[in-house]
Amino acid sequence: MSPLLKACIACQLALVACAACGKDPDAPLPARRMTASEIAQHPALGAIAGTSGLAGIRTVVLAGDPAQSGMYAIELLVPAHTRIAAHRHRDDRTAVVVSGTWHFGYGRTANDTGSKSLGPGSFYTEPANTSHFARTENEPVAVIITGNGPTDTRYESPAHPDVAPEGSQP
């Protein structure tokens, strides 16, 4: 999927997230224009608020700031053969799979039989305080997530060795 199409999806998700979170969708959104090449040059970060904290996952902030109050949109770039343990966030979030196959499930324990395979263009929600988990198989995955911050990440079980230490996520 082209970077331009990714940006369009992110904007649409931002509007859905605002409506889902009770924020007035008619409130002014800061003016921002980015070409496809500018989006591709946007810096990719590691663990930030609302991400899994796993090494190798890169995050691109497309709009807002997940650590602050207000709407945000992030793109997660998840390498092949990655497992994200069951966790939850304080805010309602919506997401679209941009590329790859994302195996996503709900529950306090991650298990392969409890996940659903979501390909490019698939949509899912992460309701506030609802545990969920995900994994990739033989290909990397890109997912655009929107929410109304501040957000956080709280794991269901003691921190996995690949997960950032407790308290490192705002």
Protein backbone atom coordinates (compact mmCIF):
# COMPACT_ATOMS: atom_id res chain seq x y z
CA MET A 1 0.00 0.00 0.00
CA SER A 2 1.34 3.41 -0.90
CA PRO A 3 2.41 5.89 1.79
CA LEU A 4 -0.24 8.30 0.49
CA LEU A 5 -3.00 5.73 0.95
CA LYS A 6 -1.64 4.99 4.44
CA ALA A 7 -1.92 8.68 5.29
CA CYS A 8 -5.52 8.79 4.03
CA ILE A 9 -6.42 5.77 6.16
CA ALA A 10 -4.77 7.39 9.19
CA CYS A 11 -6.84 10.53 8.75
CA GLN A 12 -10.07 8.55 8.44
CA LEU A 13 -9.21 6.51 11.53
CA ALA A 14 -8.47 9.69 13.45
CA LEU A 15 -12.00 10.91 12.77
CA VAL A 16 -13.46 7.54 13.82
CA ALA A 17 -11.34 7.56 16.99
CA CYS A 18 -12.51 11.06 17.89
CA ALA A 19 -16.13 10.04 17.48
CA ALA A 20 -15.63 6.80 19.44
CA CYS A 21 -13.94 8.68 22.28
CA GLY A 22 -16.65 11.31 22.49
CA LYS A 23 -14.43 14.07 21.12
CA ASP A 24 -16.16 16.56 18.85
CA PRO A 25 -15.16 15.58 15.30
CA ASP A 26 -15.92 19.14 14.22
CA ALA A 27 -13.24 20.54 16.54
CA PRO A 28 -10.40 22.08 14.56
CA LEU A 29 -7.67 19.67 13.55
CA PRO A 30 -4.26 21.27 13.09
CA ALA A 31 -3.44 21.83 9.44
CA ARG A 32 -0.81 19.37 8.25
CA ARG A 33 0.27 18.32 4.78
CA MET A 34 2.74 15.56 3.97
CA THR A 35 3.61 14.07 0.62
CA ALA A 36 4.18 10.35 0.29
CA SER A 37 7.95 10.88 0.33
CA GLU A 38 7.70 13.08 3.46
CA ILE A 39 5.76 10.34 5.25
CA ALA A 40 8.40 7.80 4.23
CA GLN A 41 11.10 10.09 5.69
CA HIS A 42 9.25 10.56 8.99
CA PRO A 43 11.46 9.28 11.83
CA ALA A 44 10.66 5.81 13.13
CA LEU A 45 10.89 5.55 16.91
CA GLY A 46 11.14 2.55 19.20
CA ALA A 47 9.03 2.14 22.33
CA ILE A 48 6.76 5.12 22.97
CA ALA A 49 3.51 5.51 24.90
CA GLY A 50 0.95 2.97 23.78
CA THR A 51 3.38 0.57 22.11
CA SER A 52 4.45 -2.89 23.20
CA GLY A 53 7.99 -1.91 24.13
CA LEU A 54 9.38 -4.87 22.17
CA ALA A 55 12.77 -4.49 20.54
CA GLY A 56 12.56 -4.30 16.77
CA ILE A 57 9.12 -2.70 16.54
CA ARG A 58 9.33 0.76 15.03
CA THR A 59 6.72 3.46 15.54
CA VAL A 60 5.97 6.45 13.32
CA VAL A 61 3.85 9.21 14.90
CA LEU A 62 1.56 10.47 12.13
CA ALA A 63 -0.53 12.92 14.14
CA GLY A 64 -0.76 14.16 17.72
CA ASP A 65 1.22 12.74 20.64
CA PRO A 66 0.15 9.44 22.26
CA ALA A 67 1.60 10.59 25.60
CA GLN A 68 -0.56 13.75 25.70
CA SER A 69 -4.29 14.47 25.81
CA GLY A 70 -5.94 14.49 22.41
CA MET A 71 -6.20 12.52 19.22
CA TYR A 72 -3.16 10.66 17.92
CA ALA A 73 -2.34 8.36 15.01
CA ILE A 74 0.68 6.04 14.94
CA GLU A 75 1.99 3.46 12.52
CA LEU A 76 3.50 0.31 14.00
CA LEU A 77 6.08 -1.48 11.87
CA VAL A 78 6.35 -4.99 13.29
CA PRO A 79 9.06 -7.42 12.12
CA ALA A 80 8.34 -11.00 11.05
CA HIS A 81 8.20 -13.65 13.82
CA THR A 82 7.15 -11.21 16.56
CA ARG A 83 4.79 -12.04 19.43
CA ILE A 84 3.15 -9.37 21.56
CA ALA A 85 1.83 -10.71 24.88
CA ALA A 86 -1.64 -9.92 26.24
CA HIS A 87 -1.88 -6.29 27.32
CA ARG A 88 -4.36 -3.40 27.49
CA HIS A 89 -4.46 0.37 27.08
CA ARG A 90 -6.42 3.02 28.99
CA ASP A 91 -7.93 4.56 25.83
CA ASP A 92 -10.20 3.27 23.07
CA ARG A 93 -8.22 2.64 19.90
CA THR A 94 -9.04 1.75 16.30
CA ALA A 95 -6.67 0.18 13.80
CA VAL A 96 -6.24 -0.78 10.16
CA VAL A 97 -3.75 -3.32 8.85
CA VAL A 98 -1.76 -1.66 6.07
CA SER A 99 0.48 -4.53 4.98
CA GLY A 100 1.24 -8.11 5.95
CA THR A 101 -0.96 -10.49 7.94
CA TRP A 102 -1.58 -9.49 11.56
CA HIS A 103 -2.79 -12.27 13.85
CA PHE A 104 -4.84 -10.42 16.48
CA GLY A 105 -6.90 -11.70 19.39
CA TYR A 106 -8.69 -10.64 22.57
CA GLY A 107 -8.11 -12.14 25.99
CA ARG A 108 -5.86 -12.10 29.04
CA THR A 109 -3.66 -14.90 27.66
CA ALA A 110 -2.12 -14.90 24.19
CA ASN A 111 -2.87 -18.07 22.26
CA ASP A 112 -2.68 -18.85 18.57
CA THR A 113 -6.16 -20.40 18.41
CA GLY A 114 -7.72 -17.24 19.86
CA SER A 115 -6.39 -14.94 17.16
CA LYS A 116 -7.88 -13.96 13.81
CA SER A 117 -5.75 -13.42 10.69
CA LEU A 118 -6.19 -9.87 9.44
CA GLY A 119 -4.74 -8.92 6.05
CA PRO A 120 -4.26 -5.51 4.43
CA GLY A 121 -7.35 -3.32 4.73
CA SER A 122 -8.66 -5.18 7.80
CA PHE A 123 -10.06 -3.12 10.68
CA TYR A 124 -10.18 -3.87 14.41
CA THR A 125 -10.74 -2.10 17.71
CA GLU A 126 -8.87 -2.10 21.00
CA PRO A 127 -11.54 -1.09 23.53
CA ALA A 128 -10.20 0.66 26.64
CA ASN A 129 -8.97 -1.77 29.30
CA THR A 130 -9.69 -4.81 27.11
CA SER A 131 -6.78 -7.23 26.93
CA HIS A 132 -5.53 -8.21 23.49
CA PHE A 133 -2.48 -9.80 21.86
CA ALA A 134 -0.92 -10.10 18.42
CA ARG A 135 1.75 -11.83 16.38
CA THR A 136 3.33 -11.90 12.96
CA GLU A 137 4.49 -14.94 11.04
CA ASN A 138 6.86 -14.95 8.05
CA GLU A 139 6.33 -11.35 6.96
CA PRO A 140 6.52 -7.93 8.62
CA VAL A 141 3.29 -6.08 9.35
CA ALA A 142 2.35 -2.39 9.28
CA VAL A 143 -0.65 -1.25 11.34
CA ILE A 144 -2.05 2.27 11.77
CA ILE A 145 -3.58 2.85 15.21
CA THR A 146 -5.53 5.89 16.38
CA GLY A 147 -6.79 6.84 19.79
CA ASN A 148 -7.43 9.68 22.18
CA GLY A 149 -4.47 10.03 24.55
CA PRO A 150 -2.81 9.87 26.80
CA THR A 151 -2.36 6.17 26.24
CA ASP A 152 -0.31 3.52 28.00
CA THR A 153 0.45 -0.22 27.85
CA ARG A 154 -0.18 -2.61 30.75
CA TYR A 155 0.76 -6.28 30.39
CA GLU A 156 -1.38 -9.04 31.92
CA SER A 157 1.49 -11.11 33.27
CA PRO A 158 4.96 -10.27 34.54
CA ALA A 159 7.08 -8.56 31.94
CA HIS A 160 8.31 -10.82 29.15
CA PRO A 161 12.11 -10.68 28.67
CA ASP A 162 11.62 -8.80 25.38
CA VAL A 163 9.29 -6.23 26.93
CA ALA A 164 10.45 -2.91 28.34
CA PRO A 165 10.55 -2.91 32.16
CA GLU A 166 7.36 -2.12 34.05
CA GLY A 167 6.79 1.60 34.35
CA SER A 168 8.72 2.46 31.20
CA GLN A 169 5.49 3.12 29.31
CA PRO A 170 3.65 6.28 30.37
